[in-house]
Full PDB file with SEQRES, HELIX, SHEET, SSBOND, CRYST1, ORIGX, SCALE, CONECT and MASTER records, all heavy atoms in Angstrom:
SEQRES   1 A   39  GLY VAL VAL CYS THR THR ASP LYS ARG TRP GLY ASP ARG          
SEQRES   2 A   39  THR VAL GLU GLU MET LEU ASN TYR PRO LYS ARG VAL PHE          
SEQRES   3 A   39  SER VAL GLY ARG LEU ASP LYS ASN SER GLU GLY LEU LEU          
HELIX    1 AA1 VAL A   15  LEU A   19  1                                   5    
SHEET    1 AA1 2 VAL A   2  VAL A   3  0                                        
SHEET    2 AA1 2 ARG A  13  THR A  14  1                                        
CRYST1    1.000    1.000    1.000  90.00  90.00  90.00 P 1           1          
ORIGX1      1.000000  0.000000  0.000000        0.00000                         
ORIGX2      0.000000  1.000000  0.000000        0.00000                         
ORIGX3      0.000000  0.000000  1.000000        0.00000                         
SCALE1      1.000000  0.000000  0.000000        0.00000                         
SCALE2      0.000000  1.000000  0.000000        0.00000                         
SCALE3      0.000000  0.000000  1.000000        0.00000                         
ATOM      1  N   GLY A   1       5.700  -7.537  -0.928  1.00  0.00           N  
ATOM      2  CA  GLY A   1       5.742  -7.396   0.515  1.00  0.00           C  
ATOM      3  C   GLY A   1       5.019  -6.186   1.026  1.00  0.00           C  
ATOM      4  O   GLY A   1       4.771  -6.096   2.215  1.00  0.00           O  
ATOM      5  N   VAL A   2       4.658  -5.275   0.130  1.00  0.00           N  
ATOM      6  CA  VAL A   2       3.894  -4.084   0.505  1.00  0.00           C  
ATOM      7  C   VAL A   2       2.430  -4.282   0.183  1.00  0.00           C  
ATOM      8  O   VAL A   2       2.094  -4.850  -0.844  1.00  0.00           O  
ATOM      9  CB  VAL A   2       4.451  -2.819  -0.242  1.00  0.00           C  
ATOM     10  CG1 VAL A   2       3.579  -1.602   0.036  1.00  0.00           C  
ATOM     11  CG2 VAL A   2       5.878  -2.541   0.152  1.00  0.00           C  
ATOM     12  N   VAL A   3       1.538  -3.844   1.087  1.00  0.00           N  
ATOM     13  CA  VAL A   3       0.103  -4.096   0.904  1.00  0.00           C  
ATOM     14  C   VAL A   3      -0.596  -2.814   0.530  1.00  0.00           C  
ATOM     15  O   VAL A   3      -0.135  -1.712   0.854  1.00  0.00           O  
ATOM     16  CB  VAL A   3      -0.543  -4.712   2.153  1.00  0.00           C  
ATOM     17  CG1 VAL A   3       0.077  -6.062   2.435  1.00  0.00           C  
ATOM     18  CG2 VAL A   3      -0.428  -3.778   3.354  1.00  0.00           C  
ATOM     19  N   CYS A   4      -1.749  -2.951  -0.136  1.00  0.00           N  
ATOM     20  CA  CYS A   4      -2.529  -1.797  -0.625  1.00  0.00           C  
ATOM     21  C   CYS A   4      -3.741  -1.486   0.235  1.00  0.00           C  
ATOM     22  O   CYS A   4      -4.660  -0.814  -0.220  1.00  0.00           O  
ATOM     23  CB  CYS A   4      -2.993  -2.027  -2.053  1.00  0.00           C  
ATOM     24  SG  CYS A   4      -1.626  -2.258  -3.241  1.00  0.00           S  
ATOM     25  N   THR A   5      -3.759  -1.958   1.456  1.00  0.00           N  
ATOM     26  CA  THR A   5      -4.863  -1.710   2.360  1.00  0.00           C  
ATOM     27  C   THR A   5      -4.438  -0.669   3.399  1.00  0.00           C  
ATOM     28  O   THR A   5      -3.253  -0.466   3.651  1.00  0.00           O  
ATOM     29  CB  THR A   5      -5.293  -2.989   3.042  1.00  0.00           C  
ATOM     30  OG1 THR A   5      -6.398  -2.719   3.920  1.00  0.00           O  
ATOM     31  CG2 THR A   5      -4.180  -3.634   3.839  1.00  0.00           C  
ATOM     32  N   THR A   6      -5.427  -0.043   4.005  1.00  0.00           N  
ATOM     33  CA  THR A   6      -5.157   0.855   5.142  1.00  0.00           C  
ATOM     34  C   THR A   6      -5.286   0.125   6.458  1.00  0.00           C  
ATOM     35  O   THR A   6      -5.058   0.728   7.518  1.00  0.00           O  
ATOM     36  CB  THR A   6      -6.171   2.038   5.121  1.00  0.00           C  
ATOM     37  OG1 THR A   6      -7.502   1.532   5.174  1.00  0.00           O  
ATOM     38  CG2 THR A   6      -5.965   2.867   3.865  1.00  0.00           C  
ATOM     39  N   ASP A   7      -5.634  -1.151   6.413  1.00  0.00           N  
ATOM     40  CA  ASP A   7      -5.786  -1.975   7.635  1.00  0.00           C  
ATOM     41  C   ASP A   7      -4.392  -2.360   8.142  1.00  0.00           C  
ATOM     42  O   ASP A   7      -3.657  -3.097   7.476  1.00  0.00           O  
ATOM     43  CB  ASP A   7      -6.598  -3.218   7.339  1.00  0.00           C  
ATOM     44  CG  ASP A   7      -6.993  -3.989   8.569  1.00  0.00           C  
ATOM     45  OD1 ASP A   7      -6.353  -3.776   9.610  1.00  0.00           O  
ATOM     46  OD2 ASP A   7      -7.940  -4.812   8.499  1.00  0.00           O  
ATOM     47  N   LYS A   8      -4.019  -1.895   9.337  1.00  0.00           N  
ATOM     48  CA  LYS A   8      -2.685  -2.169   9.845  1.00  0.00           C  
ATOM     49  C   LYS A   8      -2.693  -3.239  10.955  1.00  0.00           C  
ATOM     50  O   LYS A   8      -1.685  -3.421  11.661  1.00  0.00           O  
ATOM     51  CB  LYS A   8      -2.107  -0.863  10.424  1.00  0.00           C  
ATOM     52  CG  LYS A   8      -1.953   0.229   9.357  1.00  0.00           C  
ATOM     53  CD  LYS A   8      -1.354   1.492   9.944  1.00  0.00           C  
ATOM     54  CE  LYS A   8      -1.228   2.582   8.887  1.00  0.00           C  
ATOM     55  NZ  LYS A   8      -0.638   3.822   9.445  1.00  0.00           N  
ATOM     56  N   ARG A   9      -3.795  -3.978  11.059  1.00  0.00           N  
ATOM     57  CA  ARG A   9      -3.885  -4.984  12.132  1.00  0.00           C  
ATOM     58  C   ARG A   9      -2.841  -6.066  12.037  1.00  0.00           C  
ATOM     59  O   ARG A   9      -2.472  -6.657  13.041  1.00  0.00           O  
ATOM     60  CB  ARG A   9      -5.265  -5.642  12.125  1.00  0.00           C  
ATOM     61  CG  ARG A   9      -6.390  -4.717  12.640  1.00  0.00           C  
ATOM     62  CD  ARG A   9      -7.726  -5.434  12.540  1.00  0.00           C  
ATOM     63  NE  ARG A   9      -8.067  -5.730  11.162  1.00  0.00           N  
ATOM     64  CZ  ARG A   9      -9.140  -6.472  10.826  1.00  0.00           C  
ATOM     65  NH1 ARG A   9      -9.903  -6.992  11.771  1.00  0.00           N  
ATOM     66  NH2 ARG A   9      -9.425  -6.705   9.556  1.00  0.00           N  
ATOM     67  N   TRP A  10      -2.358  -6.357  10.809  1.00  0.00           N  
ATOM     68  CA  TRP A  10      -1.444  -7.471  10.618  1.00  0.00           C  
ATOM     69  C   TRP A  10       0.021  -7.048  10.606  1.00  0.00           C  
ATOM     70  O   TRP A  10       0.878  -7.857  10.407  1.00  0.00           O  
ATOM     71  CB  TRP A  10      -1.815  -8.200   9.308  1.00  0.00           C  
ATOM     72  CG  TRP A  10      -3.261  -8.434   9.162  1.00  0.00           C  
ATOM     73  CD1 TRP A  10      -4.108  -7.898   8.234  1.00  0.00           C  
ATOM     74  CD2 TRP A  10      -4.114  -9.205  10.013  1.00  0.00           C  
ATOM     75  NE1 TRP A  10      -5.406  -8.297   8.428  1.00  0.00           N  
ATOM     76  CE2 TRP A  10      -5.429  -9.095   9.539  1.00  0.00           C  
ATOM     77  CE3 TRP A  10      -3.884  -9.989  11.133  1.00  0.00           C  
ATOM     78  CZ2 TRP A  10      -6.505  -9.744  10.120  1.00  0.00           C  
ATOM     79  CZ3 TRP A  10      -4.966 -10.650  11.723  1.00  0.00           C  
ATOM     80  CH2 TRP A  10      -6.241 -10.510  11.244  1.00  0.00           C  
ATOM     81  N   GLY A  11       0.250  -5.778  10.790  1.00  0.00           N  
ATOM     82  CA  GLY A  11       1.613  -5.267  10.853  1.00  0.00           C  
ATOM     83  C   GLY A  11       2.360  -5.163   9.550  1.00  0.00           C  
ATOM     84  O   GLY A  11       3.568  -4.986   9.525  1.00  0.00           O  
ATOM     85  N   ASP A  12       1.615  -5.276   8.443  1.00  0.00           N  
ATOM     86  CA  ASP A  12       2.259  -5.169   7.105  1.00  0.00           C  
ATOM     87  C   ASP A  12       2.635  -3.723   6.808  1.00  0.00           C  
ATOM     88  O   ASP A  12       1.970  -2.795   7.269  1.00  0.00           O  
ATOM     89  CB  ASP A  12       1.327  -5.671   6.024  1.00  0.00           C  
ATOM     90  CG  ASP A  12       1.093  -7.199   6.104  1.00  0.00           C  
ATOM     91  OD1 ASP A  12       2.076  -7.894   6.350  1.00  0.00           O  
ATOM     92  OD2 ASP A  12      -0.087  -7.611   5.934  1.00  0.00           O  
ATOM     93  N   ARG A  13       3.610  -3.541   5.986  1.00  0.00           N  
ATOM     94  CA  ARG A  13       3.993  -2.211   5.514  1.00  0.00           C  
ATOM     95  C   ARG A  13       2.998  -1.850   4.384  1.00  0.00           C  
ATOM     96  O   ARG A  13       2.827  -2.583   3.398  1.00  0.00           O  
ATOM     97  CB  ARG A  13       5.431  -2.203   4.945  1.00  0.00           C  
ATOM     98  CG  ARG A  13       5.913  -0.815   4.607  1.00  0.00           C  
ATOM     99  CD  ARG A  13       7.294  -0.885   3.994  1.00  0.00           C  
ATOM    100  NE  ARG A  13       7.825   0.425   3.770  1.00  0.00           N  
ATOM    101  CZ  ARG A  13       8.824   0.706   2.934  1.00  0.00           C  
ATOM    102  NH1 ARG A  13       9.387  -0.262   2.208  1.00  0.00           N  
ATOM    103  NH2 ARG A  13       9.262   1.942   2.788  1.00  0.00           N  
ATOM    104  N   THR A  14       2.350  -0.694   4.502  1.00  0.00           N  
ATOM    105  CA  THR A  14       1.403  -0.245   3.532  1.00  0.00           C  
ATOM    106  C   THR A  14       2.057   0.609   2.462  1.00  0.00           C  
ATOM    107  O   THR A  14       3.119   1.192   2.688  1.00  0.00           O  
ATOM    108  CB  THR A  14       0.235   0.550   4.190  1.00  0.00           C  
ATOM    109  OG1 THR A  14       0.788   1.813   4.627  1.00  0.00           O  
ATOM    110  CG2 THR A  14      -0.389  -0.223   5.330  1.00  0.00           C  
ATOM    111  N   VAL A  15       1.370   0.669   1.308  1.00  0.00           N  
ATOM    112  CA  VAL A  15       1.921   1.487   0.211  1.00  0.00           C  
ATOM    113  C   VAL A  15       1.956   2.959   0.616  1.00  0.00           C  
ATOM    114  O   VAL A  15       2.879   3.697   0.218  1.00  0.00           O  
ATOM    115  CB  VAL A  15       1.139   1.263  -1.073  1.00  0.00           C  
ATOM    116  CG1 VAL A  15      -0.283   1.850  -0.990  1.00  0.00           C  
ATOM    117  CG2 VAL A  15       1.864   1.847  -2.287  1.00  0.00           C  
ATOM    118  N   GLU A  16       1.030   3.417   1.453  1.00  0.00           N  
ATOM    119  CA  GLU A  16       1.022   4.809   1.928  1.00  0.00           C  
ATOM    120  C   GLU A  16       2.271   5.070   2.785  1.00  0.00           C  
ATOM    121  O   GLU A  16       2.929   6.120   2.669  1.00  0.00           O  
ATOM    122  CB  GLU A  16      -0.218   5.093   2.734  1.00  0.00           C  
ATOM    123  CG  GLU A  16      -1.519   5.231   1.897  1.00  0.00           C  
ATOM    124  CD  GLU A  16      -2.147   3.844   1.669  1.00  0.00           C  
ATOM    125  OE1 GLU A  16      -1.601   2.829   2.164  1.00  0.00           O  
ATOM    126  OE2 GLU A  16      -3.191   3.791   0.981  1.00  0.00           O  
ATOM    127  N   GLU A  17       2.639   4.114   3.636  1.00  0.00           N  
ATOM    128  CA  GLU A  17       3.828   4.283   4.463  1.00  0.00           C  
ATOM    129  C   GLU A  17       5.077   4.272   3.579  1.00  0.00           C  
ATOM    130  O   GLU A  17       6.022   5.022   3.838  1.00  0.00           O  
ATOM    131  CB  GLU A  17       3.900   3.170   5.471  1.00  0.00           C  
ATOM    132  CG  GLU A  17       2.835   3.235   6.565  1.00  0.00           C  
ATOM    133  CD  GLU A  17       2.770   1.996   7.462  1.00  0.00           C  
ATOM    134  OE1 GLU A  17       3.139   0.925   6.947  1.00  0.00           O  
ATOM    135  OE2 GLU A  17       2.344   2.128   8.593  1.00  0.00           O  
ATOM    136  N   MET A  18       5.096   3.423   2.570  1.00  0.00           N  
ATOM    137  CA  MET A  18       6.225   3.334   1.702  1.00  0.00           C  
ATOM    138  C   MET A  18       6.460   4.661   0.951  1.00  0.00           C  
ATOM    139  O   MET A  18       7.590   5.154   0.877  1.00  0.00           O  
ATOM    140  CB  MET A  18       6.040   2.222   0.659  1.00  0.00           C  
ATOM    141  CG  MET A  18       7.175   2.063  -0.326  1.00  0.00           C  
ATOM    142  SD  MET A  18       6.705   1.026  -1.722  1.00  0.00           S  
ATOM    143  CE  MET A  18       5.688   2.197  -2.683  1.00  0.00           C  
ATOM    144  N   LEU A  19       5.350   5.230   0.421  1.00  0.00           N  
ATOM    145  CA  LEU A  19       5.495   6.473  -0.363  1.00  0.00           C  
ATOM    146  C   LEU A  19       5.797   7.672   0.521  1.00  0.00           C  
ATOM    147  O   LEU A  19       6.581   8.555   0.113  1.00  0.00           O  
ATOM    148  CB  LEU A  19       4.167   6.769  -1.123  1.00  0.00           C  
ATOM    149  CG  LEU A  19       3.893   5.982  -2.381  1.00  0.00           C  
ATOM    150  CD1 LEU A  19       2.594   6.516  -3.020  1.00  0.00           C  
ATOM    151  CD2 LEU A  19       5.036   6.092  -3.373  1.00  0.00           C  
ATOM    152  N   ASN A  20       5.108   7.739   1.677  1.00  0.00           N  
ATOM    153  CA  ASN A  20       5.251   8.924   2.533  1.00  0.00           C  
ATOM    154  C   ASN A  20       4.949  10.189   1.753  1.00  0.00           C  
ATOM    155  O   ASN A  20       5.637  11.203   1.887  1.00  0.00           O  
ATOM    156  CB  ASN A  20       6.630   8.976   3.170  1.00  0.00           C  
ATOM    157  CG  ASN A  20       6.679   9.949   4.329  1.00  0.00           C  
ATOM    158  OD1 ASN A  20       5.653  10.174   5.010  1.00  0.00           O  
ATOM    159  ND2 ASN A  20       7.833  10.526   4.588  1.00  0.00           N  
ATOM    160  N   TYR A  21       3.909  10.130   0.908  1.00  0.00           N  
ATOM    161  CA  TYR A  21       3.527  11.301   0.084  1.00  0.00           C  
ATOM    162  C   TYR A  21       2.957  12.385   1.000  1.00  0.00           C  
ATOM    163  O   TYR A  21       2.180  12.090   1.921  1.00  0.00           O  
ATOM    164  CB  TYR A  21       2.535  10.878  -1.004  1.00  0.00           C  
ATOM    165  CG  TYR A  21       2.411  11.891  -2.121  1.00  0.00           C  
ATOM    166  CD1 TYR A  21       3.411  12.030  -3.059  1.00  0.00           C  
ATOM    167  CD2 TYR A  21       1.310  12.690  -2.216  1.00  0.00           C  
ATOM    168  CE1 TYR A  21       3.333  12.974  -4.074  1.00  0.00           C  
ATOM    169  CE2 TYR A  21       1.193  13.650  -3.225  1.00  0.00           C  
ATOM    170  CZ  TYR A  21       2.204  13.781  -4.128  1.00  0.00           C  
ATOM    171  OH  TYR A  21       2.106  14.714  -5.146  1.00  0.00           O  
ATOM    172  N   PRO A  22       3.240  13.663   0.732  1.00  0.00           N  
ATOM    173  CA  PRO A  22       2.835  14.717   1.668  1.00  0.00           C  
ATOM    174  C   PRO A  22       1.304  14.992   1.658  1.00  0.00           C  
ATOM    175  O   PRO A  22       0.815  15.623   2.595  1.00  0.00           O  
ATOM    176  CB  PRO A  22       3.577  15.946   1.166  1.00  0.00           C  
ATOM    177  CG  PRO A  22       3.947  15.667  -0.248  1.00  0.00           C  
ATOM    178  CD  PRO A  22       4.136  14.163  -0.311  1.00  0.00           C  
ATOM    179  N   LYS A  23       0.576  14.465   0.678  1.00  0.00           N  
ATOM    180  CA  LYS A  23      -0.877  14.638   0.666  1.00  0.00           C  
ATOM    181  C   LYS A  23      -1.540  13.281   0.575  1.00  0.00           C  
ATOM    182  O   LYS A  23      -0.949  12.314   0.154  1.00  0.00           O  
ATOM    183  CB  LYS A  23      -1.293  15.518  -0.548  1.00  0.00           C  
ATOM    184  CG  LYS A  23      -0.753  16.953  -0.441  1.00  0.00           C  
ATOM    185  CD  LYS A  23      -1.250  17.807  -1.583  1.00  0.00           C  
ATOM    186  CE  LYS A  23      -0.741  19.253  -1.467  1.00  0.00           C  
ATOM    187  NZ  LYS A  23      -1.267  20.102  -2.555  1.00  0.00           N  
ATOM    188  N   ARG A  24      -2.799  13.225   1.011  1.00  0.00           N  
ATOM    189  CA  ARG A  24      -3.541  11.973   1.028  1.00  0.00           C  
ATOM    190  C   ARG A  24      -3.833  11.495  -0.373  1.00  0.00           C  
ATOM    191  O   ARG A  24      -4.470  12.188  -1.148  1.00  0.00           O  
ATOM    192  CB  ARG A  24      -4.840  12.122   1.805  1.00  0.00           C  
ATOM    193  CG  ARG A  24      -4.682  12.215   3.323  1.00  0.00           C  
ATOM    194  CD  ARG A  24      -6.047  12.271   3.976  1.00  0.00           C  
ATOM    195  NE  ARG A  24      -5.969  12.353   5.430  1.00  0.00           N  
ATOM    196  CZ  ARG A  24      -5.892  11.314   6.247  1.00  0.00           C  
ATOM    197  NH1 ARG A  24      -5.919  10.095   5.727  1.00  0.00           N  
ATOM    198  NH2 ARG A  24      -5.821  11.446   7.520  1.00  0.00           N  
ATOM    199  N   VAL A  25      -3.418  10.261  -0.654  1.00  0.00           N  
ATOM    200  CA  VAL A  25      -3.767   9.607  -1.921  1.00  0.00           C  
ATOM    201  C   VAL A  25      -4.073   8.151  -1.616  1.00  0.00           C  
ATOM    202  O   VAL A  25      -3.611   7.618  -0.614  1.00  0.00           O  
ATOM    203  CB  VAL A  25      -2.587   9.676  -2.958  1.00  0.00           C  
ATOM    204  CG1 VAL A  25      -2.423  11.092  -3.457  1.00  0.00           C  
ATOM    205  CG2 VAL A  25      -1.283   9.172  -2.378  1.00  0.00           C  
ATOM    206  N   PHE A  26      -4.855   7.519  -2.482  1.00  0.00           N  
ATOM    207  CA  PHE A  26      -5.142   6.117  -2.298  1.00  0.00           C  
ATOM    208  C   PHE A  26      -5.051   5.396  -3.625  1.00  0.00           C  
ATOM    209  O   PHE A  26      -5.063   6.013  -4.686  1.00  0.00           O  
ATOM    210  CB  PHE A  26      -6.473   5.881  -1.590  1.00  0.00           C  
ATOM    211  CG  PHE A  26      -7.647   6.516  -2.310  1.00  0.00           C  
ATOM    212  CD1 PHE A  26      -8.462   5.797  -3.147  1.00  0.00           C  
ATOM    213  CD2 PHE A  26      -7.936   7.891  -2.099  1.00  0.00           C  
ATOM    214  CE1 PHE A  26      -9.543   6.398  -3.776  1.00  0.00           C  
ATOM    215  CE2 PHE A  26      -9.032   8.491  -2.749  1.00  0.00           C  
ATOM    216  CZ  PHE A  26      -9.829   7.737  -3.572  1.00  0.00           C  
ATOM    217  N   SER A  27      -4.989   4.094  -3.591  1.00  0.00           N  
ATOM    218  CA  SER A  27      -4.672   3.302  -4.800  1.00  0.00           C  
ATOM    219  C   SER A  27      -5.890   3.058  -5.666  1.00  0.00           C  
ATOM    220  O   SER A  27      -7.017   2.929  -5.202  1.00  0.00           O  
ATOM    221  CB  SER A  27      -4.075   1.946  -4.403  1.00  0.00           C  
ATOM    222  OG  SER A  27      -4.976   1.212  -3.592  1.00  0.00           O  
ATOM    223  N   VAL A  28      -5.613   3.059  -6.988  1.00  0.00           N  
ATOM    224  CA  VAL A  28      -6.610   2.745  -7.977  1.00  0.00           C  
ATOM    225  C   VAL A  28      -6.454   1.269  -8.329  1.00  0.00           C  
ATOM    226  O   VAL A  28      -5.629   0.920  -9.199  1.00  0.00           O  
ATOM    227  CB  VAL A  28      -6.433   3.604  -9.250  1.00  0.00           C  
ATOM    228  CG1 VAL A  28      -7.494   3.293 -10.290  1.00  0.00           C  
ATOM    229  CG2 VAL A  28      -6.437   5.089  -8.911  1.00  0.00           C  
ATOM    230  N   GLY A  29      -7.142   0.403  -7.649  1.00  0.00           N  
ATOM    231  CA  GLY A  29      -6.996  -1.031  -7.889  1.00  0.00           C  
ATOM    232  C   GLY A  29      -5.796  -1.600  -7.150  1.00  0.00           C  
ATOM    233  O   GLY A  29      -4.708  -1.051  -7.171  1.00  0.00           O  
ATOM    234  N   ARG A  30      -5.999  -2.657  -6.468  1.00  0.00           N  
ATOM    235  CA  ARG A  30      -4.951  -3.222  -5.617  1.00  0.00           C  
ATOM    236  C   ARG A  30      -4.119  -4.245  -6.344  1.00  0.00           C  
ATOM    237  O   ARG A  30      -4.552  -4.872  -7.303  1.00  0.00           O  
ATOM    238  CB  ARG A  30      -5.560  -3.848  -4.368  1.00  0.00           C  
ATOM    239  CG  ARG A  30      -6.300  -2.835  -3.513  1.00  0.00           C  
ATOM    240  CD  ARG A  30      -6.866  -3.511  -2.285  1.00  0.00           C  
ATOM    241  NE  ARG A  30      -7.548  -2.552  -1.450  1.00  0.00           N  
ATOM    242  CZ  ARG A  30      -8.131  -2.864  -0.307  1.00  0.00           C  
ATOM    243  NH1 ARG A  30      -8.100  -4.128   0.150  1.00  0.00           N  
ATOM    244  NH2 ARG A  30      -8.761  -1.958   0.414  1.00  0.00           N  
ATOM    245  N   LEU A  31      -2.932  -4.439  -5.802  1.00  0.00           N  
ATOM    246  CA  LEU A  31      -2.090  -5.623  -6.107  1.00  0.00           C  
ATOM    247  C   LEU A  31      -1.881  -6.351  -4.770  1.00  0.00           C  
ATOM    248  O   LEU A  31      -1.663  -5.672  -3.760  1.00  0.00           O  
ATOM    249  CB  LEU A  31      -0.734  -5.160  -6.677  1.00  0.00           C  
ATOM    250  CG  LEU A  31      -0.697  -4.642  -8.112  1.00  0.00           C  
ATOM    251  CD1 LEU A  31       0.646  -4.017  -8.385  1.00  0.00           C  
ATOM    252  CD2 LEU A  31      -1.027  -5.748  -9.104  1.00  0.00           C  
ATOM    253  N   ASP A  32      -1.974  -7.676  -4.788  1.00  0.00           N  
ATOM    254  CA  ASP A  32      -1.821  -8.383  -3.520  1.00  0.00           C  
ATOM    255  C   ASP A  32      -0.389  -8.305  -3.007  1.00  0.00           C  
ATOM    256  O   ASP A  32       0.516  -7.842  -3.702  1.00  0.00           O  
ATOM    257  CB  ASP A  32      -2.366  -9.822  -3.619  1.00  0.00           C  
ATOM    258  CG  ASP A  32      -1.546 -10.713  -4.513  1.00  0.00           C  
ATOM    259  OD1 ASP A  32      -0.301 -10.488  -4.595  1.00  0.00           O  
ATOM    260  OD2 ASP A  32      -2.139 -11.627  -5.112  1.00  0.00           O  
ATOM    261  N   LYS A  33      -0.209  -8.726  -1.802  1.00  0.00           N  
ATOM    262  CA  LYS A  33       1.118  -8.556  -1.145  1.00  0.00           C  
ATOM    263  C   LYS A  33       2.252  -9.179  -1.918  1.00  0.00           C  
ATOM    264  O   LYS A  33       3.386  -8.625  -1.975  1.00  0.00           O  
ATOM    265  CB  LYS A  33       1.017  -9.209   0.238  1.00  0.00           C  
ATOM    266  CG  LYS A  33       2.283  -9.016   1.094  1.00  0.00           C  
ATOM    267  CD  LYS A  33       2.049  -9.602   2.508  1.00  0.00           C  
ATOM    268  CE  LYS A  33       3.302  -9.442   3.345  1.00  0.00           C  
ATOM    269  NZ  LYS A  33       3.077  -9.960   4.751  1.00  0.00           N  
ATOM    270  N   ASN A  34       2.035 -10.309  -2.579  1.00  0.00           N  
ATOM    271  CA  ASN A  34       3.089 -11.015  -3.307  1.00  0.00           C  
ATOM    272  C   ASN A  34       3.239 -10.584  -4.756  1.00  0.00           C  
ATOM    273  O   ASN A  34       4.051 -11.124  -5.496  1.00  0.00           O  
ATOM    274  CB  ASN A  34       2.864 -12.529  -3.220  1.00  0.00           C  
ATOM    275  CG  ASN A  34       2.993 -13.024  -1.782  1.00  0.00           C  
ATOM    276  OD1 ASN A  34       3.869 -12.590  -1.034  1.00  0.00           O  
ATOM    277  ND2 ASN A  34       2.104 -13.903  -1.380  1.00  0.00           N  
ATOM    278  N   SER A  35       2.417  -9.635  -5.171  1.00  0.00           N  
ATOM    279  CA  SER A  35       2.492  -9.107  -6.568  1.00  0.00           C  
ATOM    280  C   SER A  35       3.204  -7.784  -6.562  1.00  0.00           C  
ATOM    281  O   SER A  35       3.324  -7.118  -5.503  1.00  0.00           O  
ATOM    282  CB  SER A  35       1.105  -8.970  -7.161  1.00  0.00           C  
ATOM    283  OG  SER A  35       0.458 -10.224  -7.241  1.00  0.00           O  
ATOM    284  N   GLU A  36       3.678  -7.387  -7.703  1.00  0.00           N  
ATOM    285  CA  GLU A  36       4.454  -6.118  -7.798  1.00  0.00           C  
ATOM    286  C   GLU A  36       4.068  -5.376  -9.073  1.00  0.00           C  
ATOM    287  O   GLU A  36       3.337  -5.885  -9.929  1.00  0.00           O  
ATOM    288  CB  GLU A  36       5.952  -6.458  -7.829  1.00  0.00           C  
ATOM    289  CG  GLU A  36       6.380  -7.354  -8.991  1.00  0.00           C  
ATOM    290  CD  GLU A  36       7.812  -7.844  -8.894  1.00  0.00           C  
ATOM    291  OE1 GLU A  36       8.719  -7.006  -8.948  1.00  0.00           O  
ATOM    292  OE2 GLU A  36       7.982  -9.064  -8.754  1.00  0.00           O  
ATOM    293  N   GLY A  37       4.618  -4.138  -9.193  1.00  0.00           N  
ATOM    294  CA  GLY A  37       4.428  -3.401 -10.435  1.00  0.00           C  
ATOM    295  C   GLY A  37       3.586  -2.193 -10.283  1.00  0.00           C  
ATOM    296  O   GLY A  37       3.423  -1.603  -9.192  1.00  0.00           O  
ATOM    297  N   LEU A  38       2.939  -1.804 -11.397  1.00  0.00           N  
ATOM    298  CA  LEU A  38       2.274  -0.521 -11.511  1.00  0.00           C  
ATOM    299  C   LEU A  38       1.023  -0.438 -10.675  1.00  0.00           C  
ATOM    300  O   LEU A  38       0.123  -1.252 -10.732  1.00  0.00           O  
ATOM    301  CB  LEU A  38       1.920  -0.268 -12.960  1.00  0.00           C  
ATOM    302  CG  LEU A  38       1.206   1.062 -13.289  1.00  0.00           C  
ATOM    303  CD1 LEU A  38       2.079   2.245 -12.901  1.00  0.00           C  
ATOM    304  CD2 LEU A  38       0.813   1.152 -14.743  1.00  0.00           C  
ATOM    305  N   LEU A  39       1.011   0.632  -9.870  1.00  0.00           N  
ATOM    306  CA  LEU A  39      -0.151   0.988  -9.064  1.00  0.00           C  
ATOM    307  C   LEU A  39      -0.387   2.464  -9.287  1.00  0.00           C  
ATOM    308  O   LEU A  39       0.555   3.250  -9.206  1.00  0.00           O  
ATOM    309  CB  LEU A  39       0.145   0.712  -7.598  1.00  0.00           C  
ATOM    310  CG  LEU A  39      -0.989   0.750  -6.596  1.00  0.00           C  
ATOM    311  CD1 LEU A  39      -1.924  -0.401  -6.827  1.00  0.00           C  
ATOM    312  CD2 LEU A  39      -0.435   0.674  -5.183  1.00  0.00           C  
TER     313      LEU A  39                                                      
MASTER        0    0    0    1    2    0    0    6  312    1    0    3          
END                                                                             
């Protein structure tokens, strides 16, 4: 249910929002919305 994109047009919850990490980080390889696990 969490997406790995920075595009918020579709209203999805992004992994950045989920983490709320204090510094800017981005994902190494995506997992689609319906997939889960290591990122």
